[in-house]
N, C-alpha and C. Protein backbone atom coordinates (compact mmCIF):
# COMPACT_ATOMS: atom_id res chain seq x y z
N MET A 1 0.84 -1.20 0.00
CA MET A 1 0.00 0.00 0.00
C MET A 1 0.88 1.25 0.00
N THR A 2 0.40 2.29 -0.66
CA THR A 2 1.05 3.60 -0.59
C THR A 2 0.18 4.54 0.25
N PHE A 3 0.66 5.75 0.45
CA PHE A 3 -0.01 6.72 1.32
C PHE A 3 -1.48 6.88 0.97
N MET A 4 -2.34 6.76 1.97
CA MET A 4 -3.79 6.94 1.91
C MET A 4 -4.52 5.79 1.23
N GLN A 5 -3.83 4.68 0.94
CA GLN A 5 -4.53 3.49 0.48
C GLN A 5 -4.95 2.67 1.70
N PHE A 6 -5.97 1.84 1.52
CA PHE A 6 -6.49 1.06 2.64
C PHE A 6 -7.06 -0.25 2.12
N LYS A 7 -7.12 -1.25 2.99
CA LYS A 7 -7.70 -2.54 2.61
C LYS A 7 -7.96 -3.38 3.85
N PRO A 8 -8.85 -4.38 3.74
CA PRO A 8 -9.07 -5.30 4.85
C PRO A 8 -7.87 -6.24 4.98
N VAL A 9 -7.45 -6.49 6.20
CA VAL A 9 -6.28 -7.34 6.48
C VAL A 9 -6.60 -8.20 7.70
N THR A 10 -6.11 -9.44 7.69
CA THR A 10 -6.23 -10.30 8.87
C THR A 10 -4.91 -10.29 9.62
N LEU A 11 -4.94 -9.85 10.87
CA LEU A 11 -3.75 -9.78 11.71
C LEU A 11 -3.95 -10.67 12.93
N LEU A 12 -3.09 -11.68 13.08
CA LEU A 12 -3.19 -12.61 14.21
C LEU A 12 -4.60 -13.20 14.34
N GLY A 13 -5.19 -13.48 13.19
CA GLY A 13 -6.52 -14.07 13.18
C GLY A 13 -7.65 -13.09 13.37
N VAL A 14 -7.33 -11.80 13.46
CA VAL A 14 -8.35 -10.78 13.67
C VAL A 14 -8.59 -10.02 12.37
N ASP A 15 -9.84 -9.90 11.97
CA ASP A 15 -10.18 -9.14 10.77
C ASP A 15 -10.10 -7.65 11.07
N CYS A 16 -9.22 -6.96 10.36
CA CYS A 16 -8.97 -5.53 10.60
C CYS A 16 -9.13 -4.76 9.30
N PHE A 17 -9.14 -3.46 9.43
CA PHE A 17 -9.14 -2.56 8.28
C PHE A 17 -7.92 -1.65 8.46
N VAL A 18 -6.99 -1.72 7.52
CA VAL A 18 -5.71 -1.03 7.67
C VAL A 18 -5.56 0.04 6.60
N SER A 19 -5.13 1.22 7.00
CA SER A 19 -4.82 2.29 6.04
C SER A 19 -3.38 2.73 6.24
N ARG A 20 -2.70 3.05 5.13
CA ARG A 20 -1.33 3.57 5.24
C ARG A 20 -1.42 5.08 5.38
N SER A 21 -1.60 5.49 6.60
CA SER A 21 -1.80 6.91 6.90
C SER A 21 -1.38 7.13 8.35
N GLY A 22 -1.54 8.34 8.81
CA GLY A 22 -1.17 8.61 10.19
C GLY A 22 -1.29 10.09 10.50
N TYR A 23 -1.00 10.42 11.74
CA TYR A 23 -1.21 11.78 12.22
C TYR A 23 0.06 12.35 12.82
N THR A 24 1.21 11.88 12.30
CA THR A 24 2.49 12.35 12.83
C THR A 24 3.42 12.89 11.75
N GLY A 25 3.05 12.74 10.48
CA GLY A 25 3.94 13.14 9.39
C GLY A 25 4.89 12.03 8.97
N GLU A 26 4.94 10.95 9.75
CA GLU A 26 5.80 9.81 9.43
C GLU A 26 5.02 8.77 8.63
N ASP A 27 5.74 7.91 7.91
CA ASP A 27 5.12 6.77 7.26
C ASP A 27 4.57 5.85 8.35
N GLY A 28 3.34 5.43 8.21
CA GLY A 28 2.77 4.58 9.24
C GLY A 28 1.45 3.97 8.81
N PHE A 29 0.85 3.25 9.73
CA PHE A 29 -0.41 2.57 9.46
C PHE A 29 -1.40 2.85 10.59
N GLU A 30 -2.66 2.94 10.23
CA GLU A 30 -3.73 3.03 11.21
C GLU A 30 -4.58 1.78 11.08
N ILE A 31 -4.89 1.15 12.20
CA ILE A 31 -5.58 -0.13 12.21
C ILE A 31 -6.92 0.02 12.91
N SER A 32 -7.99 -0.30 12.19
CA SER A 32 -9.32 -0.37 12.80
C SER A 32 -9.58 -1.83 13.14
N VAL A 33 -9.91 -2.09 14.41
CA VAL A 33 -10.03 -3.46 14.90
C VAL A 33 -11.26 -3.55 15.79
N PRO A 34 -11.97 -4.69 15.79
CA PRO A 34 -13.10 -4.84 16.70
C PRO A 34 -12.66 -4.60 18.14
N ALA A 35 -13.48 -3.89 18.90
CA ALA A 35 -13.11 -3.50 20.26
C ALA A 35 -12.71 -4.69 21.13
N ALA A 36 -13.39 -5.80 20.95
CA ALA A 36 -13.12 -6.97 21.79
C ALA A 36 -11.73 -7.56 21.54
N GLN A 37 -11.15 -7.27 20.38
CA GLN A 37 -9.84 -7.82 20.02
C GLN A 37 -8.73 -6.78 20.10
N ALA A 38 -9.06 -5.53 20.44
CA ALA A 38 -8.09 -4.44 20.38
C ALA A 38 -6.91 -4.66 21.32
N GLU A 39 -7.18 -5.03 22.58
CA GLU A 39 -6.08 -5.20 23.54
C GLU A 39 -5.16 -6.34 23.13
N LYS A 40 -5.73 -7.43 22.67
CA LYS A 40 -4.92 -8.58 22.24
C LYS A 40 -3.97 -8.17 21.12
N LEU A 41 -4.49 -7.45 20.13
CA LEU A 41 -3.67 -7.05 19.00
C LEU A 41 -2.61 -6.03 19.44
N ALA A 42 -3.00 -5.08 20.27
CA ALA A 42 -2.04 -4.07 20.74
C ALA A 42 -0.90 -4.71 21.51
N ARG A 43 -1.20 -5.65 22.39
CA ARG A 43 -0.15 -6.31 23.18
C ARG A 43 0.77 -7.13 22.29
N ALA A 44 0.21 -7.73 21.25
CA ALA A 44 1.04 -8.50 20.31
C ALA A 44 1.99 -7.58 19.55
N LEU A 45 1.49 -6.44 19.11
CA LEU A 45 2.34 -5.49 18.39
C LEU A 45 3.45 -4.96 19.29
N LEU A 46 3.15 -4.76 20.56
CA LEU A 46 4.14 -4.21 21.49
C LEU A 46 5.26 -5.20 21.83
N THR A 47 5.10 -6.47 21.46
CA THR A 47 6.18 -7.43 21.67
C THR A 47 7.26 -7.31 20.61
N GLU A 48 6.95 -6.61 19.51
CA GLU A 48 7.94 -6.41 18.45
C GLU A 48 9.00 -5.42 18.92
N PRO A 49 10.29 -5.69 18.66
CA PRO A 49 11.36 -4.82 19.17
C PRO A 49 11.31 -3.40 18.62
N GLU A 50 10.73 -3.21 17.44
CA GLU A 50 10.68 -1.87 16.84
C GLU A 50 9.53 -1.02 17.38
N VAL A 51 8.64 -1.63 18.17
CA VAL A 51 7.40 -0.96 18.57
C VAL A 51 7.49 -0.51 20.03
N ALA A 52 7.05 0.72 20.27
CA ALA A 52 6.95 1.24 21.64
C ALA A 52 5.68 2.07 21.74
N ALA A 53 5.08 2.07 22.91
CA ALA A 53 3.86 2.85 23.13
C ALA A 53 4.21 4.32 23.33
N ILE A 54 3.36 5.20 22.83
CA ILE A 54 3.52 6.64 23.08
C ILE A 54 2.17 7.19 23.53
N GLY A 55 2.19 8.37 24.10
CA GLY A 55 0.97 9.00 24.56
C GLY A 55 0.49 10.09 23.62
N LEU A 56 -0.62 10.70 23.98
CA LEU A 56 -1.19 11.75 23.14
C LEU A 56 -0.28 12.97 23.06
N GLY A 57 0.51 13.22 24.10
CA GLY A 57 1.43 14.35 24.06
C GLY A 57 2.47 14.20 22.97
N ALA A 58 3.00 12.98 22.81
CA ALA A 58 3.97 12.72 21.75
C ALA A 58 3.32 12.87 20.38
N ARG A 59 2.13 12.29 20.24
CA ARG A 59 1.43 12.43 18.96
C ARG A 59 1.17 13.89 18.63
N ASP A 60 0.78 14.68 19.64
CA ASP A 60 0.44 16.07 19.38
C ASP A 60 1.66 16.87 18.97
N SER A 61 2.81 16.61 19.59
CA SER A 61 4.02 17.36 19.21
C SER A 61 4.45 17.00 17.80
N LEU A 62 4.30 15.73 17.40
CA LEU A 62 4.70 15.31 16.06
C LEU A 62 3.74 15.85 15.00
N ARG A 63 2.44 15.85 15.29
CA ARG A 63 1.49 16.38 14.30
C ARG A 63 1.69 17.87 14.14
N LEU A 64 2.12 18.56 15.21
CA LEU A 64 2.39 19.98 15.11
C LEU A 64 3.61 20.22 14.23
N GLU A 65 4.67 19.43 14.41
CA GLU A 65 5.84 19.55 13.54
C GLU A 65 5.48 19.30 12.08
N ALA A 66 4.51 18.41 11.85
CA ALA A 66 4.08 18.09 10.48
C ALA A 66 3.09 19.11 9.93
N GLY A 67 2.69 20.10 10.75
CA GLY A 67 1.76 21.12 10.29
C GLY A 67 0.34 20.63 10.11
N LEU A 68 -0.03 19.57 10.84
CA LEU A 68 -1.37 18.98 10.70
C LEU A 68 -2.33 19.60 11.71
N CYS A 69 -3.55 19.84 11.25
CA CYS A 69 -4.57 20.49 12.08
C CYS A 69 -5.19 19.52 13.08
N LEU A 70 -5.55 20.06 14.24
CA LEU A 70 -6.34 19.34 15.23
C LEU A 70 -7.70 20.01 15.30
N TYR A 71 -8.75 19.23 14.98
CA TYR A 71 -10.09 19.81 14.94
C TYR A 71 -10.49 20.34 16.32
N GLY A 72 -11.12 21.50 16.31
CA GLY A 72 -11.50 22.15 17.55
C GLY A 72 -10.45 23.10 18.07
N HIS A 73 -9.27 23.04 17.49
CA HIS A 73 -8.17 23.93 17.88
C HIS A 73 -7.70 24.74 16.67
N ASP A 74 -7.28 24.04 15.61
CA ASP A 74 -6.76 24.71 14.42
C ASP A 74 -7.81 24.94 13.35
N MET A 75 -8.95 24.32 13.51
CA MET A 75 -10.07 24.52 12.59
C MET A 75 -11.33 24.05 13.28
N ASN A 76 -12.48 24.55 12.77
CA ASN A 76 -13.78 24.12 13.27
C ASN A 76 -14.80 24.29 12.15
N SER A 77 -16.07 24.19 12.48
CA SER A 77 -17.11 24.24 11.45
C SER A 77 -17.23 25.60 10.79
N ASP A 78 -16.61 26.63 11.37
CA ASP A 78 -16.65 27.97 10.78
C ASP A 78 -15.41 28.27 9.94
N THR A 79 -14.46 27.35 9.87
CA THR A 79 -13.21 27.56 9.15
C THR A 79 -13.28 26.92 7.78
N THR A 80 -12.84 27.63 6.75
CA THR A 80 -12.82 27.05 5.41
C THR A 80 -11.43 26.49 5.10
N PRO A 81 -11.33 25.60 4.11
CA PRO A 81 -10.01 25.08 3.72
C PRO A 81 -9.05 26.18 3.26
N ILE A 82 -9.57 27.27 2.73
CA ILE A 82 -8.69 28.35 2.28
C ILE A 82 -8.09 29.05 3.50
N GLN A 83 -8.91 29.35 4.49
CA GLN A 83 -8.41 29.99 5.70
C GLN A 83 -7.41 29.10 6.44
N ALA A 84 -7.67 27.80 6.44
CA ALA A 84 -6.84 26.85 7.19
C ALA A 84 -5.63 26.37 6.39
N SER A 85 -5.40 26.93 5.20
CA SER A 85 -4.28 26.51 4.33
C SER A 85 -4.40 25.02 3.99
N LEU A 86 -5.62 24.58 3.68
CA LEU A 86 -5.89 23.18 3.37
C LEU A 86 -6.45 23.00 1.97
N LEU A 87 -6.11 23.89 1.05
CA LEU A 87 -6.63 23.76 -0.32
C LEU A 87 -6.24 22.42 -0.93
N TRP A 88 -5.10 21.87 -0.51
CA TRP A 88 -4.65 20.58 -1.04
C TRP A 88 -5.68 19.47 -0.79
N ALA A 89 -6.54 19.66 0.22
CA ALA A 89 -7.52 18.63 0.56
C ALA A 89 -8.68 18.58 -0.44
N ILE A 90 -8.79 19.59 -1.30
CA ILE A 90 -9.82 19.61 -2.34
C ILE A 90 -9.16 19.18 -3.64
N SER A 91 -9.67 18.14 -4.27
CA SER A 91 -9.05 17.66 -5.50
C SER A 91 -9.06 18.76 -6.56
N LYS A 92 -8.03 18.78 -7.40
CA LYS A 92 -7.91 19.83 -8.42
C LYS A 92 -9.14 19.88 -9.31
N ALA A 93 -9.73 18.73 -9.59
CA ALA A 93 -10.90 18.70 -10.46
C ALA A 93 -12.09 19.41 -9.84
N ARG A 94 -12.17 19.45 -8.51
CA ARG A 94 -13.32 20.05 -7.81
C ARG A 94 -13.12 21.52 -7.47
N ARG A 95 -11.93 22.06 -7.71
CA ARG A 95 -11.68 23.46 -7.39
C ARG A 95 -12.35 24.38 -8.41
N ALA A 96 -12.31 25.68 -8.15
CA ALA A 96 -13.03 26.64 -8.98
C ALA A 96 -12.66 26.53 -10.45
N ASP A 97 -11.40 26.23 -10.74
CA ASP A 97 -10.94 26.14 -12.13
C ASP A 97 -10.82 24.70 -12.60
N GLY A 98 -11.42 23.77 -11.87
CA GLY A 98 -11.31 22.35 -12.21
C GLY A 98 -12.30 21.90 -13.26
N THR A 99 -12.08 20.71 -13.78
CA THR A 99 -12.95 20.16 -14.83
C THR A 99 -14.32 19.74 -14.30
N ARG A 100 -14.42 19.47 -13.00
CA ARG A 100 -15.71 19.11 -12.37
C ARG A 100 -15.91 19.98 -11.14
N ALA A 101 -15.81 21.27 -11.32
CA ALA A 101 -15.82 22.23 -10.21
C ALA A 101 -17.08 22.09 -9.35
N GLY A 102 -16.90 22.19 -8.05
CA GLY A 102 -18.04 22.19 -7.14
C GLY A 102 -18.56 20.82 -6.82
N GLY A 103 -19.85 20.79 -6.47
CA GLY A 103 -20.49 19.53 -6.14
C GLY A 103 -20.27 19.10 -4.71
N PHE A 104 -19.92 20.05 -3.82
CA PHE A 104 -19.73 19.72 -2.41
C PHE A 104 -20.24 20.88 -1.56
N PRO A 105 -20.64 20.62 -0.31
CA PRO A 105 -21.18 21.69 0.55
C PRO A 105 -20.16 22.81 0.74
N GLY A 106 -20.64 24.05 0.62
CA GLY A 106 -19.77 25.20 0.83
C GLY A 106 -18.94 25.61 -0.37
N ALA A 107 -19.18 24.98 -1.52
CA ALA A 107 -18.35 25.24 -2.70
C ALA A 107 -18.36 26.72 -3.09
N GLU A 108 -19.52 27.37 -3.04
CA GLU A 108 -19.60 28.77 -3.47
C GLU A 108 -18.73 29.67 -2.60
N VAL A 109 -18.77 29.45 -1.29
CA VAL A 109 -17.96 30.25 -0.36
C VAL A 109 -16.48 29.99 -0.61
N ILE A 110 -16.12 28.72 -0.76
CA ILE A 110 -14.71 28.37 -0.97
C ILE A 110 -14.21 28.91 -2.30
N PHE A 111 -15.02 28.84 -3.34
CA PHE A 111 -14.60 29.37 -4.64
C PHE A 111 -14.38 30.87 -4.57
N ALA A 112 -15.26 31.58 -3.87
CA ALA A 112 -15.11 33.03 -3.73
C ALA A 112 -13.80 33.35 -3.01
N GLN A 113 -13.47 32.56 -2.00
CA GLN A 113 -12.21 32.79 -1.27
C GLN A 113 -11.01 32.37 -2.11
N GLN A 114 -11.15 31.29 -2.88
CA GLN A 114 -10.05 30.85 -3.72
C GLN A 114 -9.68 31.91 -4.74
N GLN A 115 -10.69 32.60 -5.25
CA GLN A 115 -10.45 33.60 -6.29
C GLN A 115 -10.22 35.00 -5.73
N GLY A 116 -10.87 35.31 -4.61
CA GLY A 116 -10.77 36.67 -4.08
C GLY A 116 -9.93 36.83 -2.83
N GLY A 117 -9.48 35.70 -2.28
CA GLY A 117 -8.65 35.76 -1.09
C GLY A 117 -9.45 35.77 0.20
N VAL A 118 -8.74 35.74 1.32
CA VAL A 118 -9.35 35.72 2.65
C VAL A 118 -8.71 36.81 3.51
N SER A 119 -9.35 37.12 4.62
CA SER A 119 -8.83 38.18 5.49
C SER A 119 -7.84 37.65 6.53
N ARG A 120 -7.87 36.33 6.77
CA ARG A 120 -6.93 35.73 7.72
C ARG A 120 -6.59 34.32 7.26
N LYS A 121 -5.47 33.81 7.73
CA LYS A 121 -5.02 32.50 7.28
C LYS A 121 -4.17 31.82 8.34
N ARG A 122 -4.19 30.48 8.33
CA ARG A 122 -3.34 29.71 9.24
C ARG A 122 -1.91 29.69 8.71
N VAL A 123 -0.95 29.97 9.59
CA VAL A 123 0.46 29.99 9.21
C VAL A 123 1.29 29.27 10.27
N GLY A 124 2.50 28.92 9.89
CA GLY A 124 3.47 28.40 10.85
C GLY A 124 4.18 29.55 11.54
N LEU A 125 4.57 29.35 12.78
CA LEU A 125 5.23 30.38 13.57
C LEU A 125 6.40 29.77 14.34
N LEU A 126 7.58 30.38 14.22
CA LEU A 126 8.76 29.91 14.94
C LEU A 126 9.20 30.95 15.95
N PRO A 127 9.03 30.69 17.25
CA PRO A 127 9.54 31.60 18.26
C PRO A 127 11.06 31.74 18.14
N GLN A 128 11.56 32.94 18.34
CA GLN A 128 12.99 33.19 18.20
C GLN A 128 13.73 33.09 19.53
N GLU A 129 13.08 32.54 20.53
CA GLU A 129 13.72 32.21 21.80
C GLU A 129 13.08 30.94 22.32
N ARG A 130 13.53 30.44 23.46
CA ARG A 130 13.11 29.12 23.93
C ARG A 130 11.75 29.11 24.62
N THR A 131 11.13 30.24 24.79
CA THR A 131 9.85 30.31 25.49
C THR A 131 8.75 29.62 24.68
N PRO A 132 8.07 28.61 25.22
CA PRO A 132 6.96 27.98 24.50
C PRO A 132 5.79 28.96 24.37
N VAL A 133 5.15 28.94 23.23
CA VAL A 133 3.98 29.78 22.97
C VAL A 133 2.78 28.86 22.82
N ARG A 134 1.77 29.04 23.65
CA ARG A 134 0.66 28.09 23.70
C ARG A 134 -0.60 28.64 23.01
N GLU A 135 -1.54 27.72 22.82
CA GLU A 135 -2.84 28.06 22.22
C GLU A 135 -3.49 29.22 22.97
N GLY A 136 -4.03 30.17 22.21
CA GLY A 136 -4.73 31.30 22.79
C GLY A 136 -3.90 32.55 22.92
N ALA A 137 -2.58 32.44 22.80
CA ALA A 137 -1.72 33.62 22.92
C ALA A 137 -2.01 34.60 21.79
N GLU A 138 -2.13 35.88 22.12
CA GLU A 138 -2.34 36.90 21.09
C GLU A 138 -1.04 37.12 20.32
N ILE A 139 -1.20 37.45 19.04
CA ILE A 139 -0.05 37.78 18.19
C ILE A 139 -0.18 39.24 17.79
N VAL A 140 0.93 39.97 17.90
CA VAL A 140 0.92 41.41 17.61
C VAL A 140 1.99 41.73 16.58
N ASP A 141 1.80 42.90 15.91
CA ASP A 141 2.81 43.37 14.97
C ASP A 141 3.82 44.25 15.71
N ALA A 142 4.70 44.91 14.95
CA ALA A 142 5.77 45.71 15.55
C ALA A 142 5.23 46.87 16.37
N GLU A 143 4.02 47.35 16.03
CA GLU A 143 3.42 48.47 16.76
C GLU A 143 2.58 48.01 17.96
N GLY A 144 2.48 46.71 18.15
CA GLY A 144 1.70 46.19 19.26
C GLY A 144 0.25 45.95 18.94
N LYS A 145 -0.14 46.10 17.68
CA LYS A 145 -1.53 45.85 17.28
C LYS A 145 -1.77 44.35 17.19
N VAL A 146 -2.90 43.90 17.75
CA VAL A 146 -3.25 42.48 17.69
C VAL A 146 -3.62 42.12 16.26
N ILE A 147 -2.92 41.13 15.70
CA ILE A 147 -3.13 40.72 14.31
C ILE A 147 -3.52 39.25 14.19
N GLY A 148 -3.68 38.57 15.32
CA GLY A 148 -4.05 37.16 15.26
C GLY A 148 -3.87 36.48 16.60
N SER A 149 -3.93 35.15 16.57
CA SER A 149 -3.75 34.37 17.79
C SER A 149 -3.21 32.99 17.46
N VAL A 150 -2.61 32.37 18.45
CA VAL A 150 -2.05 31.03 18.30
C VAL A 150 -3.16 30.00 18.48
N CYS A 151 -3.20 29.01 17.59
CA CYS A 151 -4.20 27.94 17.71
C CYS A 151 -3.58 26.65 18.24
N SER A 152 -2.29 26.43 18.02
CA SER A 152 -1.58 25.28 18.58
C SER A 152 -0.13 25.70 18.82
N GLY A 153 0.45 25.22 19.89
CA GLY A 153 1.85 25.54 20.15
C GLY A 153 2.45 24.55 21.12
N GLY A 154 3.76 24.41 21.05
CA GLY A 154 4.44 23.49 21.94
C GLY A 154 5.90 23.38 21.59
N PHE A 155 6.50 22.25 21.97
CA PHE A 155 7.91 21.99 21.71
C PHE A 155 8.03 20.91 20.65
N GLY A 156 8.87 21.14 19.64
CA GLY A 156 9.10 20.16 18.59
C GLY A 156 10.32 19.31 18.90
N PRO A 157 10.16 18.03 19.23
CA PRO A 157 11.32 17.20 19.59
C PRO A 157 12.29 16.99 18.44
N THR A 158 11.79 16.91 17.21
CA THR A 158 12.66 16.76 16.05
C THR A 158 13.32 18.08 15.70
N LEU A 159 12.55 19.13 15.77
CA LEU A 159 13.05 20.47 15.48
C LEU A 159 14.02 20.94 16.55
N GLY A 160 13.80 20.49 17.77
CA GLY A 160 14.66 20.87 18.87
C GLY A 160 14.36 22.23 19.46
N GLY A 161 13.12 22.69 19.32
CA GLY A 161 12.75 24.00 19.85
C GLY A 161 11.26 24.21 19.79
N PRO A 162 10.79 25.35 20.31
CA PRO A 162 9.36 25.64 20.30
C PRO A 162 8.86 25.97 18.89
N LEU A 163 7.59 25.74 18.67
CA LEU A 163 6.94 26.05 17.40
C LEU A 163 5.46 26.24 17.65
N ALA A 164 4.78 26.84 16.68
CA ALA A 164 3.36 27.12 16.85
C ALA A 164 2.70 27.28 15.50
N MET A 165 1.38 27.22 15.51
CA MET A 165 0.57 27.60 14.36
C MET A 165 -0.43 28.63 14.84
N GLY A 166 -0.84 29.52 13.95
CA GLY A 166 -1.82 30.52 14.34
C GLY A 166 -2.50 31.12 13.14
N TYR A 167 -3.54 31.89 13.40
CA TYR A 167 -4.24 32.63 12.35
C TYR A 167 -3.83 34.09 12.43
N LEU A 168 -3.38 34.62 11.28
CA LEU A 168 -2.95 36.01 11.19
C LEU A 168 -3.76 36.76 10.16
N ASP A 169 -3.91 38.07 10.34
CA ASP A 169 -4.44 38.92 9.28
C ASP A 169 -3.59 38.71 8.05
N ILE A 170 -4.22 38.67 6.89
CA ILE A 170 -3.56 38.22 5.67
C ILE A 170 -2.34 39.04 5.30
N GLU A 171 -2.33 40.34 5.64
CA GLU A 171 -1.19 41.18 5.26
C GLU A 171 0.08 40.85 6.05
N HIS A 172 -0.04 39.97 7.04
CA HIS A 172 1.14 39.59 7.84
C HIS A 172 1.54 38.12 7.62
N CYS A 173 1.00 37.49 6.58
CA CYS A 173 1.20 36.05 6.40
C CYS A 173 2.41 35.67 5.55
N ALA A 174 3.12 36.63 4.99
CA ALA A 174 4.27 36.31 4.15
C ALA A 174 5.36 35.63 4.98
N LEU A 175 6.08 34.68 4.36
CA LEU A 175 7.15 33.98 5.06
C LEU A 175 8.18 34.96 5.61
N ASP A 176 8.68 34.65 6.79
CA ASP A 176 9.72 35.43 7.49
C ASP A 176 9.24 36.78 8.00
N THR A 177 7.92 37.02 7.98
CA THR A 177 7.40 38.25 8.58
C THR A 177 7.63 38.21 10.09
N PRO A 178 8.26 39.24 10.67
CA PRO A 178 8.45 39.26 12.13
C PRO A 178 7.17 39.66 12.85
N VAL A 179 6.78 38.88 13.84
CA VAL A 179 5.62 39.17 14.68
C VAL A 179 6.03 38.83 16.12
N ALA A 180 5.11 38.96 17.04
CA ALA A 180 5.40 38.60 18.43
C ALA A 180 4.15 38.03 19.09
N ALA A 181 4.35 37.08 19.98
CA ALA A 181 3.26 36.54 20.79
C ALA A 181 3.35 37.13 22.19
N ILE A 182 2.20 37.35 22.79
CA ILE A 182 2.17 37.86 24.16
C ILE A 182 2.06 36.67 25.11
N VAL A 183 3.12 36.45 25.89
CA VAL A 183 3.18 35.33 26.84
C VAL A 183 3.44 35.90 28.23
N ARG A 184 2.48 35.76 29.11
CA ARG A 184 2.58 36.29 30.48
C ARG A 184 2.97 37.77 30.49
N GLY A 185 2.36 38.52 29.58
CA GLY A 185 2.56 39.96 29.53
C GLY A 185 3.81 40.41 28.80
N LYS A 186 4.60 39.47 28.29
CA LYS A 186 5.82 39.83 27.59
C LYS A 186 5.75 39.41 26.12
N LYS A 187 6.47 40.15 25.26
CA LYS A 187 6.51 39.82 23.84
C LYS A 187 7.56 38.75 23.57
N VAL A 188 7.15 37.70 22.87
CA VAL A 188 8.08 36.67 22.40
C VAL A 188 8.20 36.82 20.89
N PRO A 189 9.37 37.22 20.37
CA PRO A 189 9.50 37.41 18.93
C PRO A 189 9.36 36.10 18.17
N MET A 190 8.67 36.16 17.03
CA MET A 190 8.47 34.99 16.18
C MET A 190 8.60 35.40 14.73
N LEU A 191 8.84 34.39 13.88
CA LEU A 191 8.84 34.59 12.44
C LEU A 191 7.79 33.68 11.82
N VAL A 192 7.07 34.21 10.82
CA VAL A 192 6.15 33.37 10.05
C VAL A 192 6.98 32.36 9.28
N SER A 193 6.60 31.09 9.37
CA SER A 193 7.40 29.99 8.81
C SER A 193 6.57 29.13 7.87
N LYS A 194 7.26 28.49 6.95
CA LYS A 194 6.57 27.53 6.08
C LYS A 194 6.23 26.28 6.89
N MET A 195 5.23 25.57 6.42
CA MET A 195 4.86 24.28 7.02
C MET A 195 4.89 23.22 5.92
N PRO A 196 5.20 21.97 6.28
CA PRO A 196 5.49 21.49 7.63
C PRO A 196 6.83 22.00 8.14
N PHE A 197 6.97 22.04 9.46
CA PHE A 197 8.23 22.46 10.06
C PHE A 197 9.31 21.40 9.85
N VAL A 198 8.88 20.13 9.85
CA VAL A 198 9.75 18.98 9.61
C VAL A 198 9.19 18.25 8.40
N PRO A 199 10.02 17.88 7.41
CA PRO A 199 9.49 17.22 6.20
C PRO A 199 8.68 15.98 6.52
N GLN A 200 7.52 15.85 5.89
CA GLN A 200 6.70 14.65 6.03
C GLN A 200 7.36 13.51 5.27
N ARG A 201 7.20 12.29 5.78
CA ARG A 201 7.88 11.14 5.17
C ARG A 201 6.89 10.03 4.82
N TYR A 202 5.77 10.40 4.24
CA TYR A 202 4.80 9.41 3.81
C TYR A 202 5.36 8.60 2.64
N TYR A 203 5.00 7.32 2.58
CA TYR A 203 5.43 6.47 1.47
C TYR A 203 4.43 6.60 0.33
N ARG A 204 4.88 7.18 -0.77
CA ARG A 204 3.99 7.43 -1.91
C ARG A 204 4.29 6.50 -3.09
N GLY A 205 5.15 5.53 -2.89
CA GLY A 205 5.42 4.55 -3.94
C GLY A 205 6.58 4.91 -4.83
């Protein structure tokens, strides 16, 4: 299987549904298994020398390095793919200039934004010091005007430093634009960064 392919698979006598996908930016697999067999399969996988258990904190730091959204934090039902920098999730054929444009809920709004732009957008943010910048922190420009807020933030173990994502007014979204986050009443300098922060390593064949 290559990235985003899926098929039914029997593992240790258990009928499962496996997809080559994941939420960390790494090549991996997600396994859907009947609840009654889940513990048995998990314990069997953990006996393999290459396998170790991790918690949600590890997953969250890796998905942040990969620039992946967490629903309810980086996007919600009021966020469009254009605002969230997720245009890639709409097939080229279904976009405004595609051969089969539209045919999905919200297409008119998304097409208008695709062609006319948006007032704010999700961007990557790299703090220029070691202070972690967390969700909810206000982002200001050089004059101290609030221009956005952080939607996810933490420490990147692969990157070796703090990182964040946030929504900024569109005029401040260019790469390497200097901004600052307000953390405990102090300004933490940051630069707008490309995403993913760490290259994704999905197997595409």
